[in-house]
Amino acid sequence: MGIQRRILVVDDEPAVVKTLSKAIRRQGFDVVSASDGEEALEKVRNSNPDLVILDIQMPKVDGIEVLQRIKGSPETASLPVIMLTAKVGDEDILKGYKYGANYYIPKPFKMIEVLQGIEMMFRSIDEEKSHRFKI
């Protein structure tokens, strides 16, 4: 696999963070976490994640604002973001995609959905890189 990929898990529910982190680590990824939007933005800047799993409803800065800041910054605009949230109305989902979410998983979630979402994101990144460097 080469360099270990880092995933930032952002959720204000400690049980969700713990469950996701454990399952993701078992798949061979490095995991960092944040419990609110403010901390998430700090971790994006300082820990250089390869992917973010982001809840919407959080204290301090909500997930949509975090998503907008990630996608609005040239340094992080290409960072893939999976929204993992209980806000599952059509309007909420469209809002997430409008602001740049790459994938949307509703809560309650099945772990297989999350792991497949991660795999899909990294496969897409790898395919894009391999096409970019072909001569």
N, C-alpha and C. Protein backbone atom coordinates (compact mmCIF):
# COMPACT_ATOMS: atom_id res chain seq x y z
N MET A 1 0.82 -1.20 0.00
CA MET A 1 0.00 0.00 0.00
C MET A 1 0.86 1.26 0.00
N GLY A 2 2.12 1.17 0.38
CA GLY A 2 2.98 2.35 0.39
C GLY A 2 2.76 3.17 1.64
N ILE A 3 2.62 4.46 1.45
CA ILE A 3 2.41 5.37 2.57
C ILE A 3 1.01 5.17 3.13
N GLN A 4 0.93 5.10 4.47
CA GLN A 4 -0.36 4.90 5.12
C GLN A 4 -1.22 6.16 4.97
N ARG A 5 -2.43 5.97 4.51
CA ARG A 5 -3.34 7.09 4.33
C ARG A 5 -3.99 7.46 5.65
N ARG A 6 -4.23 8.76 5.81
CA ARG A 6 -4.80 9.28 7.06
C ARG A 6 -6.22 9.75 6.81
N ILE A 7 -7.11 9.34 7.69
CA ILE A 7 -8.52 9.73 7.61
C ILE A 7 -8.89 10.51 8.86
N LEU A 8 -9.50 11.67 8.65
CA LEU A 8 -10.00 12.49 9.74
C LEU A 8 -11.48 12.19 9.95
N VAL A 9 -11.83 11.72 11.14
CA VAL A 9 -13.22 11.41 11.51
C VAL A 9 -13.71 12.55 12.40
N VAL A 10 -14.79 13.21 11.96
CA VAL A 10 -15.32 14.36 12.68
C VAL A 10 -16.77 14.10 13.09
N ASP A 11 -16.99 13.98 14.38
CA ASP A 11 -18.35 13.77 14.91
C ASP A 11 -18.35 14.17 16.37
N ASP A 12 -19.44 14.75 16.83
CA ASP A 12 -19.52 15.17 18.23
C ASP A 12 -20.00 14.05 19.15
N GLU A 13 -20.29 12.88 18.58
CA GLU A 13 -20.69 11.73 19.38
C GLU A 13 -19.47 10.83 19.58
N PRO A 14 -18.92 10.76 20.81
CA PRO A 14 -17.72 9.96 21.06
C PRO A 14 -17.86 8.49 20.64
N ALA A 15 -19.05 7.91 20.80
CA ALA A 15 -19.24 6.50 20.44
C ALA A 15 -19.09 6.30 18.93
N VAL A 16 -19.57 7.26 18.15
CA VAL A 16 -19.44 7.17 16.69
C VAL A 16 -17.97 7.27 16.30
N VAL A 17 -17.26 8.23 16.89
CA VAL A 17 -15.83 8.41 16.59
C VAL A 17 -15.06 7.14 16.95
N LYS A 18 -15.34 6.58 18.11
CA LYS A 18 -14.63 5.38 18.57
C LYS A 18 -14.90 4.19 17.65
N THR A 19 -16.16 3.98 17.30
CA THR A 19 -16.54 2.85 16.43
C THR A 19 -15.92 2.99 15.05
N LEU A 20 -16.04 4.18 14.47
CA LEU A 20 -15.47 4.41 13.14
C LEU A 20 -13.95 4.27 13.16
N SER A 21 -13.32 4.90 14.13
CA SER A 21 -11.86 4.87 14.21
C SER A 21 -11.32 3.45 14.30
N LYS A 22 -11.95 2.65 15.13
CA LYS A 22 -11.52 1.26 15.31
C LYS A 22 -11.64 0.48 14.00
N ALA A 23 -12.78 0.59 13.33
CA ALA A 23 -13.01 -0.14 12.08
C ALA A 23 -12.08 0.34 10.97
N ILE A 24 -11.85 1.63 10.90
CA ILE A 24 -10.99 2.20 9.86
C ILE A 24 -9.54 1.80 10.09
N ARG A 25 -9.11 1.83 11.33
CA ARG A 25 -7.72 1.40 11.65
C ARG A 25 -7.51 -0.06 11.26
N ARG A 26 -8.54 -0.89 11.49
CA ARG A 26 -8.44 -2.31 11.12
C ARG A 26 -8.22 -2.49 9.62
N GLN A 27 -8.61 -1.51 8.84
CA GLN A 27 -8.42 -1.57 7.39
C GLN A 27 -7.03 -1.05 6.98
N GLY A 28 -6.23 -0.65 7.97
CA GLY A 28 -4.86 -0.24 7.69
C GLY A 28 -4.64 1.25 7.54
N PHE A 29 -5.63 2.05 7.91
CA PHE A 29 -5.50 3.50 7.79
C PHE A 29 -5.09 4.12 9.12
N ASP A 30 -4.45 5.26 9.05
CA ASP A 30 -4.17 6.08 10.22
C ASP A 30 -5.43 6.93 10.44
N VAL A 31 -5.83 7.11 11.68
CA VAL A 31 -7.04 7.88 11.97
C VAL A 31 -6.73 8.99 12.96
N VAL A 32 -7.21 10.18 12.65
CA VAL A 32 -7.23 11.29 13.59
C VAL A 32 -8.69 11.69 13.74
N SER A 33 -9.03 12.32 14.84
CA SER A 33 -10.44 12.66 15.04
C SER A 33 -10.60 14.07 15.59
N ALA A 34 -11.82 14.57 15.44
CA ALA A 34 -12.19 15.87 15.98
C ALA A 34 -13.64 15.77 16.43
N SER A 35 -13.98 16.53 17.47
CA SER A 35 -15.33 16.44 18.02
C SER A 35 -16.20 17.66 17.73
N ASP A 36 -15.65 18.64 17.02
CA ASP A 36 -16.45 19.79 16.59
C ASP A 36 -15.81 20.38 15.33
N GLY A 37 -16.53 21.29 14.70
CA GLY A 37 -16.06 21.85 13.44
C GLY A 37 -14.80 22.66 13.54
N GLU A 38 -14.66 23.39 14.63
CA GLU A 38 -13.46 24.20 14.84
C GLU A 38 -12.22 23.30 14.91
N GLU A 39 -12.31 22.25 15.71
CA GLU A 39 -11.20 21.30 15.84
C GLU A 39 -10.94 20.59 14.50
N ALA A 40 -12.00 20.32 13.75
CA ALA A 40 -11.85 19.67 12.44
C ALA A 40 -11.01 20.52 11.50
N LEU A 41 -11.29 21.81 11.45
CA LEU A 41 -10.54 22.71 10.57
C LEU A 41 -9.07 22.78 10.98
N GLU A 42 -8.83 22.77 12.29
CA GLU A 42 -7.45 22.75 12.79
C GLU A 42 -6.74 21.46 12.36
N LYS A 43 -7.43 20.32 12.48
CA LYS A 43 -6.83 19.03 12.12
C LYS A 43 -6.59 18.95 10.60
N VAL A 44 -7.48 19.54 9.81
CA VAL A 44 -7.28 19.55 8.36
C VAL A 44 -5.98 20.29 8.05
N ARG A 45 -5.76 21.41 8.73
CA ARG A 45 -4.54 22.20 8.49
C ARG A 45 -3.29 21.51 9.00
N ASN A 46 -3.38 20.89 10.18
CA ASN A 46 -2.17 20.40 10.85
C ASN A 46 -1.86 18.92 10.67
N SER A 47 -2.83 18.10 10.32
CA SER A 47 -2.54 16.66 10.23
C SER A 47 -2.61 16.11 8.81
N ASN A 48 -2.89 16.97 7.84
CA ASN A 48 -2.88 16.60 6.43
C ASN A 48 -3.61 15.29 6.13
N PRO A 49 -4.90 15.22 6.42
CA PRO A 49 -5.62 13.98 6.11
C PRO A 49 -5.77 13.78 4.61
N ASP A 50 -5.96 12.52 4.22
CA ASP A 50 -6.19 12.18 2.82
C ASP A 50 -7.68 12.11 2.50
N LEU A 51 -8.50 12.10 3.57
CA LEU A 51 -9.95 12.02 3.41
C LEU A 51 -10.58 12.46 4.73
N VAL A 52 -11.76 13.08 4.65
CA VAL A 52 -12.48 13.52 5.85
C VAL A 52 -13.86 12.85 5.86
N ILE A 53 -14.22 12.30 7.01
CA ILE A 53 -15.58 11.81 7.25
C ILE A 53 -16.19 12.81 8.21
N LEU A 54 -17.27 13.47 7.78
CA LEU A 54 -17.75 14.67 8.46
C LEU A 54 -19.23 14.62 8.79
N ASP A 55 -19.55 14.84 10.05
CA ASP A 55 -20.94 14.98 10.49
C ASP A 55 -21.39 16.42 10.20
N ILE A 56 -22.68 16.65 10.08
CA ILE A 56 -23.17 18.02 9.85
C ILE A 56 -23.49 18.72 11.16
N GLN A 57 -24.27 18.06 12.02
CA GLN A 57 -24.74 18.71 13.25
C GLN A 57 -23.68 18.60 14.34
N MET A 58 -22.95 19.72 14.52
CA MET A 58 -21.89 19.75 15.54
C MET A 58 -21.84 21.11 16.20
N PRO A 59 -21.24 21.16 17.39
CA PRO A 59 -21.09 22.45 18.07
C PRO A 59 -20.00 23.31 17.42
N LYS A 60 -20.01 24.57 17.74
CA LYS A 60 -19.05 25.59 17.31
C LYS A 60 -19.18 25.92 15.83
N VAL A 61 -18.75 25.02 14.97
CA VAL A 61 -18.87 25.23 13.52
C VAL A 61 -19.51 23.97 12.96
N ASP A 62 -20.65 24.13 12.24
CA ASP A 62 -21.33 22.93 11.74
C ASP A 62 -20.59 22.35 10.52
N GLY A 63 -20.98 21.13 10.17
CA GLY A 63 -20.30 20.40 9.11
C GLY A 63 -20.39 21.05 7.74
N ILE A 64 -21.49 21.73 7.45
CA ILE A 64 -21.62 22.41 6.15
C ILE A 64 -20.60 23.55 6.07
N GLU A 65 -20.45 24.29 7.15
CA GLU A 65 -19.45 25.37 7.18
C GLU A 65 -18.03 24.80 7.03
N VAL A 66 -17.76 23.70 7.72
CA VAL A 66 -16.44 23.04 7.59
C VAL A 66 -16.23 22.62 6.14
N LEU A 67 -17.24 22.00 5.54
CA LEU A 67 -17.16 21.57 4.15
C LEU A 67 -16.87 22.77 3.24
N GLN A 68 -17.58 23.86 3.42
CA GLN A 68 -17.38 25.05 2.60
C GLN A 68 -15.96 25.58 2.74
N ARG A 69 -15.44 25.59 3.95
CA ARG A 69 -14.07 26.09 4.15
C ARG A 69 -13.03 25.17 3.54
N ILE A 70 -13.25 23.86 3.66
CA ILE A 70 -12.32 22.89 3.06
C ILE A 70 -12.31 23.08 1.54
N LYS A 71 -13.49 23.08 0.94
CA LYS A 71 -13.59 23.15 -0.52
C LYS A 71 -13.28 24.55 -1.05
N GLY A 72 -13.39 25.56 -0.20
CA GLY A 72 -13.12 26.94 -0.61
C GLY A 72 -11.67 27.35 -0.54
N SER A 73 -10.83 26.51 0.02
CA SER A 73 -9.41 26.83 0.15
C SER A 73 -8.61 26.09 -0.92
N PRO A 74 -7.77 26.80 -1.67
CA PRO A 74 -6.98 26.13 -2.71
C PRO A 74 -6.12 24.98 -2.17
N GLU A 75 -5.67 25.08 -0.94
CA GLU A 75 -4.81 24.04 -0.36
C GLU A 75 -5.58 22.74 -0.08
N THR A 76 -6.88 22.84 0.16
CA THR A 76 -7.65 21.66 0.56
C THR A 76 -8.85 21.36 -0.34
N ALA A 77 -9.02 22.12 -1.40
CA ALA A 77 -10.20 21.98 -2.26
C ALA A 77 -10.36 20.57 -2.83
N SER A 78 -9.26 19.87 -3.06
CA SER A 78 -9.36 18.53 -3.64
C SER A 78 -9.47 17.42 -2.59
N LEU A 79 -9.47 17.80 -1.32
CA LEU A 79 -9.58 16.82 -0.23
C LEU A 79 -10.98 16.19 -0.26
N PRO A 80 -11.06 14.85 -0.43
CA PRO A 80 -12.37 14.21 -0.47
C PRO A 80 -13.07 14.24 0.89
N VAL A 81 -14.38 14.50 0.86
CA VAL A 81 -15.18 14.58 2.08
C VAL A 81 -16.40 13.68 1.94
N ILE A 82 -16.55 12.78 2.91
CA ILE A 82 -17.74 11.94 3.01
C ILE A 82 -18.58 12.51 4.14
N MET A 83 -19.82 12.90 3.83
CA MET A 83 -20.73 13.38 4.85
C MET A 83 -21.41 12.16 5.48
N LEU A 84 -21.37 12.10 6.79
CA LEU A 84 -21.98 10.99 7.54
C LEU A 84 -22.89 11.65 8.57
N THR A 85 -24.20 11.65 8.30
CA THR A 85 -25.06 12.49 9.12
C THR A 85 -26.50 12.00 9.19
N ALA A 86 -27.17 12.43 10.24
CA ALA A 86 -28.59 12.12 10.42
C ALA A 86 -29.46 13.06 9.60
N LYS A 87 -28.89 14.12 9.07
CA LYS A 87 -29.65 15.07 8.23
C LYS A 87 -29.76 14.47 6.84
N VAL A 88 -30.88 13.77 6.60
CA VAL A 88 -30.99 12.98 5.38
C VAL A 88 -32.16 13.40 4.48
N GLY A 89 -32.71 14.59 4.71
CA GLY A 89 -33.74 15.08 3.79
C GLY A 89 -33.10 15.42 2.45
N ASP A 90 -33.91 15.40 1.39
CA ASP A 90 -33.38 15.71 0.06
C ASP A 90 -32.64 17.04 0.05
N GLU A 91 -33.21 18.03 0.72
CA GLU A 91 -32.60 19.37 0.76
C GLU A 91 -31.22 19.31 1.44
N ASP A 92 -31.11 18.55 2.51
CA ASP A 92 -29.84 18.42 3.22
C ASP A 92 -28.78 17.75 2.35
N ILE A 93 -29.18 16.67 1.69
CA ILE A 93 -28.25 15.94 0.83
C ILE A 93 -27.79 16.82 -0.32
N LEU A 94 -28.73 17.51 -0.96
CA LEU A 94 -28.37 18.39 -2.07
C LEU A 94 -27.46 19.53 -1.61
N LYS A 95 -27.70 20.04 -0.41
CA LYS A 95 -26.86 21.10 0.14
C LYS A 95 -25.42 20.59 0.32
N GLY A 96 -25.29 19.36 0.84
CA GLY A 96 -23.97 18.78 1.01
C GLY A 96 -23.24 18.66 -0.32
N TYR A 97 -23.92 18.15 -1.32
CA TYR A 97 -23.30 18.01 -2.65
C TYR A 97 -23.01 19.38 -3.27
N LYS A 98 -23.91 20.32 -3.05
CA LYS A 98 -23.73 21.68 -3.59
C LYS A 98 -22.42 22.29 -3.09
N TYR A 99 -22.10 22.05 -1.84
CA TYR A 99 -20.89 22.63 -1.26
C TYR A 99 -19.66 21.75 -1.40
N GLY A 100 -19.79 20.65 -2.13
CA GLY A 100 -18.59 19.89 -2.48
C GLY A 100 -18.42 18.53 -1.86
N ALA A 101 -19.42 18.03 -1.14
CA ALA A 101 -19.28 16.68 -0.58
C ALA A 101 -19.08 15.68 -1.72
N ASN A 102 -18.22 14.71 -1.51
CA ASN A 102 -17.95 13.70 -2.53
C ASN A 102 -18.88 12.50 -2.40
N TYR A 103 -19.42 12.30 -1.18
CA TYR A 103 -20.26 11.14 -0.93
C TYR A 103 -21.09 11.43 0.31
N TYR A 104 -22.25 10.81 0.43
CA TYR A 104 -23.17 11.10 1.53
C TYR A 104 -23.68 9.79 2.09
N ILE A 105 -23.47 9.56 3.38
CA ILE A 105 -23.95 8.33 4.03
C ILE A 105 -24.87 8.74 5.19
N PRO A 106 -26.12 8.26 5.17
CA PRO A 106 -27.05 8.63 6.23
C PRO A 106 -26.82 7.82 7.51
N LYS A 107 -27.09 8.48 8.65
CA LYS A 107 -27.12 7.79 9.94
C LYS A 107 -28.56 7.36 10.19
N PRO A 108 -28.79 6.25 10.81
CA PRO A 108 -27.79 5.28 11.25
C PRO A 108 -27.16 4.62 10.02
N PHE A 109 -25.89 4.30 10.15
CA PHE A 109 -25.15 3.75 9.03
C PHE A 109 -24.71 2.33 9.32
N LYS A 110 -24.40 1.61 8.26
CA LYS A 110 -23.78 0.29 8.39
C LYS A 110 -22.30 0.50 8.13
N MET A 111 -21.45 -0.13 8.91
CA MET A 111 -20.01 0.07 8.77
C MET A 111 -19.54 -0.27 7.36
N ILE A 112 -20.14 -1.26 6.74
CA ILE A 112 -19.74 -1.65 5.39
C ILE A 112 -19.94 -0.49 4.41
N GLU A 113 -20.99 0.33 4.64
CA GLU A 113 -21.22 1.49 3.78
C GLU A 113 -20.07 2.49 3.89
N VAL A 114 -19.62 2.70 5.11
CA VAL A 114 -18.54 3.65 5.34
C VAL A 114 -17.24 3.12 4.72
N LEU A 115 -16.93 1.86 4.97
CA LEU A 115 -15.70 1.28 4.45
C LEU A 115 -15.71 1.24 2.93
N GLN A 116 -16.85 0.94 2.33
CA GLN A 116 -16.94 0.95 0.87
C GLN A 116 -16.83 2.37 0.32
N GLY A 117 -17.39 3.33 1.05
CA GLY A 117 -17.26 4.74 0.64
C GLY A 117 -15.81 5.18 0.64
N ILE A 118 -15.07 4.79 1.68
CA ILE A 118 -13.65 5.12 1.77
C ILE A 118 -12.90 4.48 0.60
N GLU A 119 -13.17 3.20 0.39
CA GLU A 119 -12.50 2.48 -0.71
C GLU A 119 -12.80 3.15 -2.05
N MET A 120 -14.05 3.53 -2.25
CA MET A 120 -14.45 4.18 -3.50
C MET A 120 -13.72 5.51 -3.69
N MET A 121 -13.61 6.30 -2.64
CA MET A 121 -12.92 7.59 -2.72
C MET A 121 -11.45 7.40 -3.09
N PHE A 122 -10.78 6.47 -2.41
CA PHE A 122 -9.36 6.26 -2.68
C PHE A 122 -9.13 5.63 -4.06
N ARG A 123 -10.03 4.76 -4.49
CA ARG A 123 -9.90 4.17 -5.83
C ARG A 123 -10.02 5.28 -6.87
N SER A 124 -10.95 6.18 -6.68
CA SER A 124 -11.15 7.30 -7.60
C SER A 124 -9.91 8.19 -7.65
N ILE A 125 -9.34 8.49 -6.49
CA ILE A 125 -8.12 9.30 -6.42
C ILE A 125 -6.98 8.60 -7.14
N ASP A 126 -6.81 7.32 -6.88
CA ASP A 126 -5.71 6.55 -7.50
C ASP A 126 -5.87 6.49 -9.02
N GLU A 127 -7.11 6.29 -9.49
CA GLU A 127 -7.35 6.23 -10.93
C GLU A 127 -7.04 7.58 -11.58
N GLU A 128 -7.44 8.65 -10.91
CA GLU A 128 -7.19 9.99 -11.45
C GLU A 128 -5.68 10.24 -11.54
N LYS A 129 -4.94 9.86 -10.50
CA LYS A 129 -3.49 10.05 -10.51
C LYS A 129 -2.84 9.22 -11.60
N SER A 130 -3.28 7.99 -11.79
CA SER A 130 -2.64 7.13 -12.80
C SER A 130 -2.93 7.66 -14.20
N HIS A 131 -4.09 8.25 -14.44
CA HIS A 131 -4.40 8.83 -15.75
C HIS A 131 -3.61 10.11 -15.98
N ARG A 132 -3.40 10.86 -14.92
CA ARG A 132 -2.70 12.14 -15.02
C ARG A 132 -1.24 11.95 -15.41
N PHE A 133 -0.61 10.86 -14.95
CA PHE A 133 0.80 10.68 -15.16
C PHE A 133 1.14 9.77 -16.34
N LYS A 134 0.14 9.31 -17.06
CA LYS A 134 0.41 8.48 -18.23
C LYS A 134 0.90 9.37 -19.37
N ILE A 135 1.84 8.83 -20.13
CA ILE A 135 2.40 9.57 -21.27
C ILE A 135 1.93 8.95 -22.56
